């Protein structure tokens, strides 16, 4: 049984700090209609390319948006926009992402303050770009509660690679085994495992408990259950 004291928590953003569906279903509608210049039939075809049904406003379980980076989403859409460069597509994606509505998975300020007050280092590692990620954290008034914030474009790579995980560990002066990666996707948990971290799955994203459990030390309904799990898990 692992008896290492957990001294840091590294959070995914979408589906973990914020409810995935409430944020990214609205983003998809706005982005697709903008990209298609209001042509709903074209917007629907674009949605199919990224695993989003414009009519039902639902993502397919294998949608590139769920765990992919803006670069991967732009790559999927590029054949429909030969007039745009990859960088221009990513810029449009990031601009719309920065405006996406955010619904907190749980009240974040009191939870994160309590975790910090308990002595934990806190970080965010997202496959979103850093600029819209910071905009989302700023809007929720929680940016200052984190010791580390990284997007896929922050110089550490994206998940499921462990670069962001290891950068957080180095930034806060902890060993990876002293950190728990908290996320809602297999990409999050795979990255945490690859870095040598504990892994905590939450169910505020699209993935089901049975999908996440094989890579998770524990599956929680949401991050509001972290204090109780930490109290029970610490030696």
Protein backbone atom coordinates (compact mmCIF):
# COMPACT_ATOMS: atom_id res chain seq x y z
CA UNK A 1 0.00 0.00 0.00
CA UNK A 2 1.34 3.46 -0.92
CA UNK A 3 2.03 5.46 2.24
CA UNK A 4 3.63 8.51 0.58
CA UNK A 5 2.25 11.76 1.96
CA UNK A 6 0.44 13.78 -0.73
CA UNK A 7 1.83 17.32 -0.73
CA UNK A 8 0.53 18.57 -4.07
CA UNK A 9 -2.55 18.36 -6.29
CA UNK A 10 -2.42 18.93 -10.04
CA UNK A 11 -5.81 19.53 -11.62
CA UNK A 12 -7.07 19.18 -15.14
CA UNK A 13 -9.34 22.11 -16.01
CA UNK A 14 -12.29 21.13 -18.21
CA UNK A 15 -14.38 18.35 -16.74
CA UNK A 16 -12.53 18.64 -13.44
CA UNK A 17 -12.53 22.22 -12.13
CA UNK A 18 -15.38 23.07 -14.50
CA UNK A 19 -18.28 20.94 -15.72
CA UNK A 20 -17.38 19.78 -19.23
CA UNK A 21 -20.81 19.73 -20.85
CA UNK A 22 -21.90 23.14 -19.60
CA UNK A 23 -18.75 24.74 -20.98
CA UNK A 24 -17.81 22.97 -24.18
CA UNK A 25 -21.21 22.20 -25.68
CA UNK A 26 -21.91 25.95 -25.67
CA UNK A 27 -18.42 26.62 -27.07
CA UNK A 28 -18.94 24.18 -29.94
CA UNK A 29 -22.19 25.81 -31.04
CA UNK A 30 -20.67 29.28 -30.97
CA UNK A 31 -17.45 28.31 -32.69
CA UNK A 32 -19.03 26.16 -35.40
CA UNK A 33 -21.59 28.78 -36.39
CA UNK A 34 -18.87 31.45 -36.45
CA UNK A 35 -16.53 29.31 -38.52
CA UNK A 36 -19.37 28.46 -40.92
CA UNK A 37 -20.46 32.11 -41.10
CA UNK A 38 -23.93 31.16 -39.96
CA UNK A 39 -24.43 28.32 -42.45
CA UNK A 40 -25.99 25.68 -40.18
CA UNK A 41 -25.56 22.83 -42.69
CA UNK A 42 -21.84 23.60 -43.00
CA UNK A 43 -21.58 24.01 -39.23
CA UNK A 44 -23.12 20.58 -38.78
CA UNK A 45 -20.56 19.05 -41.15
CA UNK A 46 -17.76 20.75 -39.25
CA UNK A 47 -19.20 19.44 -36.01
CA UNK A 48 -19.13 15.90 -37.35
CA UNK A 49 -15.40 16.29 -38.03
CA UNK A 50 -14.75 16.93 -34.33
CA UNK A 51 -17.33 14.53 -32.93
CA UNK A 52 -20.05 17.05 -32.08
CA UNK A 53 -23.71 16.77 -33.11
CA UNK A 54 -24.95 20.33 -33.67
CA UNK A 55 -28.60 19.27 -33.57
CA UNK A 56 -28.48 17.44 -30.23
CA UNK A 57 -25.58 19.55 -28.88
CA UNK A 58 -23.76 16.45 -27.69
CA UNK A 59 -20.24 15.12 -28.13
CA UNK A 60 -19.38 11.63 -29.29
CA UNK A 61 -17.40 9.75 -26.67
CA UNK A 62 -14.33 9.73 -28.92
CA UNK A 63 -14.51 13.44 -29.85
CA UNK A 64 -11.11 15.07 -30.28
CA UNK A 65 -12.40 18.02 -28.24
CA UNK A 66 -12.77 15.96 -25.06
CA UNK A 67 -9.09 15.33 -24.42
CA UNK A 68 -7.31 16.79 -27.43
CA UNK A 69 -5.44 20.05 -27.87
CA UNK A 70 -6.55 23.05 -29.97
CA UNK A 71 -3.85 22.02 -32.44
CA UNK A 72 -5.46 18.60 -32.87
CA UNK A 73 -8.92 20.15 -33.28
CA UNK A 74 -7.54 22.57 -35.87
CA UNK A 75 -5.91 19.71 -37.74
CA UNK A 76 -9.26 17.90 -37.96
CA UNK A 77 -10.96 21.00 -39.35
CA UNK A 78 -8.17 22.18 -41.67
CA UNK A 79 -9.43 20.45 -44.87
CA UNK A 80 -12.58 22.60 -44.68
CA UNK A 81 -10.59 25.87 -44.44
CA UNK A 82 -7.87 25.83 -47.11
CA UNK A 83 -7.78 29.62 -46.95
CA UNK A 84 -6.64 29.58 -43.30
CA UNK A 85 -3.32 28.57 -41.83
CA UNK A 86 -3.12 26.20 -38.86
CA UNK A 87 -2.13 29.15 -36.69
CA UNK A 88 -5.18 31.16 -37.80
CA UNK A 89 -7.51 28.25 -37.04
CA UNK A 90 -5.96 27.77 -33.60
CA UNK A 91 -6.31 31.50 -32.92
CA UNK A 92 -10.03 31.32 -33.75
CA UNK A 93 -10.46 28.25 -31.54
CA UNK A 94 -8.67 29.94 -28.65
CA UNK A 95 -10.63 33.17 -29.03
CA UNK A 96 -13.94 31.32 -28.79
CA UNK A 97 -12.60 29.17 -25.93
CA UNK A 98 -11.77 32.30 -23.96
CA UNK A 99 -15.42 33.33 -24.22
CA UNK A 100 -16.85 29.92 -23.33
CA UNK A 101 -19.14 29.98 -20.27
CA UNK A 102 -17.75 28.18 -17.23
CA UNK A 103 -19.83 26.29 -14.68
CA UNK A 104 -17.82 25.34 -11.62
CA UNK A 105 -17.94 21.64 -10.81
CA UNK A 106 -18.23 22.67 -7.14
CA UNK A 107 -17.73 26.08 -5.47
CA UNK A 108 -14.05 26.49 -6.25
CA UNK A 109 -12.81 29.36 -4.09
CA UNK A 110 -13.61 27.80 -0.68
CA UNK A 111 -12.39 24.36 -1.75
CA UNK A 112 -9.09 25.56 -3.20
CA UNK A 113 -8.45 27.91 -0.28
CA UNK A 114 -9.00 25.07 2.16
CA UNK A 115 -6.62 22.83 0.23
CA UNK A 116 -3.97 25.56 0.16
CA UNK A 117 -4.47 26.28 3.85
CA UNK A 118 -3.79 22.60 4.54
CA UNK A 119 -0.32 23.08 3.03
CA UNK A 120 -0.86 21.57 -0.41
CA UNK A 121 0.77 22.93 -3.55
CA UNK A 122 -1.82 23.37 -6.31
CA UNK A 123 -1.48 23.41 -10.09
CA UNK A 124 -3.45 23.24 -13.34
CA UNK A 125 -2.40 21.19 -16.37
CA UNK A 126 -4.76 21.44 -19.33
CA UNK A 127 -4.76 20.51 -22.99
CA UNK A 128 -6.43 23.84 -23.63
CA UNK A 129 -4.13 26.72 -24.59
CA UNK A 130 -2.70 28.67 -21.67
CA UNK A 131 -4.29 32.04 -22.53
CA UNK A 132 -7.95 30.91 -22.54
CA UNK A 133 -7.22 28.66 -19.56
CA UNK A 134 -6.01 31.66 -17.58
CA UNK A 135 -9.08 33.62 -18.74
CA UNK A 136 -11.33 30.90 -17.35
CA UNK A 137 -9.43 30.79 -14.04
CA UNK A 138 -9.47 34.60 -13.83
CA UNK A 139 -13.23 34.67 -14.38
CA UNK A 140 -13.68 32.21 -11.50
CA UNK A 141 -11.30 34.34 -9.38
CA UNK A 142 -9.02 31.39 -8.65
CA UNK A 143 -5.86 32.12 -10.65
CA UNK A 144 -3.98 33.28 -7.57
CA UNK A 145 -4.71 30.06 -5.72
CA UNK A 146 -2.47 28.04 -8.05
CA UNK A 147 1.29 27.71 -7.92
CA UNK A 148 1.51 26.52 -11.54
CA UNK A 149 -0.66 26.82 -14.66
CA UNK A 150 0.21 25.16 -17.96
CA UNK A 151 -1.57 24.69 -21.27
CA UNK A 152 -0.55 22.49 -24.17
CA UNK A 153 1.38 25.45 -25.57
CA UNK A 154 3.30 26.38 -22.41
CA UNK A 155 6.42 24.51 -23.40
CA UNK A 156 5.83 21.20 -21.60
CA UNK A 157 3.72 19.42 -24.23
CA UNK A 158 0.23 18.08 -23.72
CA UNK A 159 -1.37 15.08 -22.08
CA UNK A 160 -1.13 12.06 -22.13
CA UNK A 161 2.60 12.85 -22.14
CA UNK A 162 3.95 13.61 -18.64
CA UNK A 163 5.74 16.88 -19.41
CA UNK A 164 3.25 19.14 -17.63
CA UNK A 165 3.21 16.81 -14.63
CA UNK A 166 6.97 16.82 -14.25
CA UNK A 167 7.15 20.59 -14.76
CA UNK A 168 4.70 21.09 -11.89
CA UNK A 169 6.69 18.80 -9.62
CA UNK A 170 9.85 20.75 -10.39
CA UNK A 171 8.13 24.12 -10.00
CA UNK A 172 6.88 23.33 -6.48
CA UNK A 173 9.89 21.27 -5.37
CA UNK A 174 8.09 17.96 -4.88
CA UNK A 175 8.74 14.41 -5.99
CA UNK A 176 6.10 13.11 -8.45
CA UNK A 177 5.09 10.44 -5.92
CA UNK A 178 4.08 13.23 -3.51
CA UNK A 179 1.53 14.58 -6.02
CA UNK A 180 -1.92 13.43 -7.08
CA UNK A 181 -3.08 14.19 -10.63
CA UNK A 182 -6.83 14.90 -10.62
CA UNK A 183 -8.72 14.60 -13.88
CA UNK A 184 -11.76 13.37 -15.77
CA UNK A 185 -10.15 11.65 -18.77
CA UNK A 186 -7.85 8.79 -19.63
CA UNK A 187 -5.36 11.36 -20.95
CA UNK A 188 -5.19 12.96 -17.49
CA UNK A 189 -4.72 9.68 -15.68
CA UNK A 190 -2.24 8.31 -18.21
CA UNK A 191 -0.12 11.44 -17.86
CA UNK A 192 -0.20 11.19 -14.09
CA UNK A 193 0.76 7.53 -14.14
CA UNK A 194 3.56 8.17 -16.63
CA UNK A 195 4.99 10.81 -14.30
CA UNK A 196 4.81 8.52 -11.26
CA UNK A 197 1.98 10.38 -9.54
CA UNK A 198 -1.09 9.16 -7.71
CA UNK A 199 -4.18 9.48 -9.89
CA UNK A 200 -7.66 10.64 -8.92
CA UNK A 201 -10.56 10.38 -11.39
CA UNK A 202 -13.66 12.56 -11.19
CA UNK A 203 -16.98 12.10 -12.94
CA UNK A 204 -17.72 15.70 -14.00
CA UNK A 205 -16.55 15.02 -17.56
CA UNK A 206 -17.84 12.68 -20.28
CA UNK A 207 -16.01 9.51 -19.17
CA UNK A 208 -17.69 6.80 -17.11
CA UNK A 209 -16.34 5.39 -13.85
CA UNK A 210 -15.67 2.00 -15.40
CA UNK A 211 -13.53 3.61 -18.12
CA UNK A 212 -11.42 5.57 -15.65
CA UNK A 213 -11.09 3.07 -12.83
CA UNK A 214 -8.25 0.96 -14.32
CA UNK A 215 -5.93 4.00 -14.29
CA UNK A 216 -7.17 5.62 -11.08
CA UNK A 217 -6.22 5.12 -7.46
CA UNK A 218 -9.72 6.35 -6.64
CA UNK A 219 -12.81 7.51 -8.56
CA UNK A 220 -14.70 10.40 -6.94
CA UNK A 221 -18.00 12.04 -7.98
CA UNK A 222 -16.31 15.45 -8.10
CA UNK A 223 -13.39 17.38 -6.61
CA UNK A 224 -15.48 18.36 -3.62
CA UNK A 225 -14.75 14.88 -2.28
CA UNK A 226 -10.99 15.43 -2.29
CA UNK A 227 -10.64 16.60 1.34
CA UNK A 228 -12.34 13.44 2.60
CA UNK A 229 -10.24 11.21 0.35
CA UNK A 230 -7.04 12.96 1.40
CA UNK A 231 -7.89 12.57 5.08
CA UNK A 232 -8.41 8.85 4.59
CA UNK A 233 -5.48 8.29 2.20
CA UNK A 234 -2.74 10.10 4.11
CA UNK A 235 -0.56 7.92 6.37
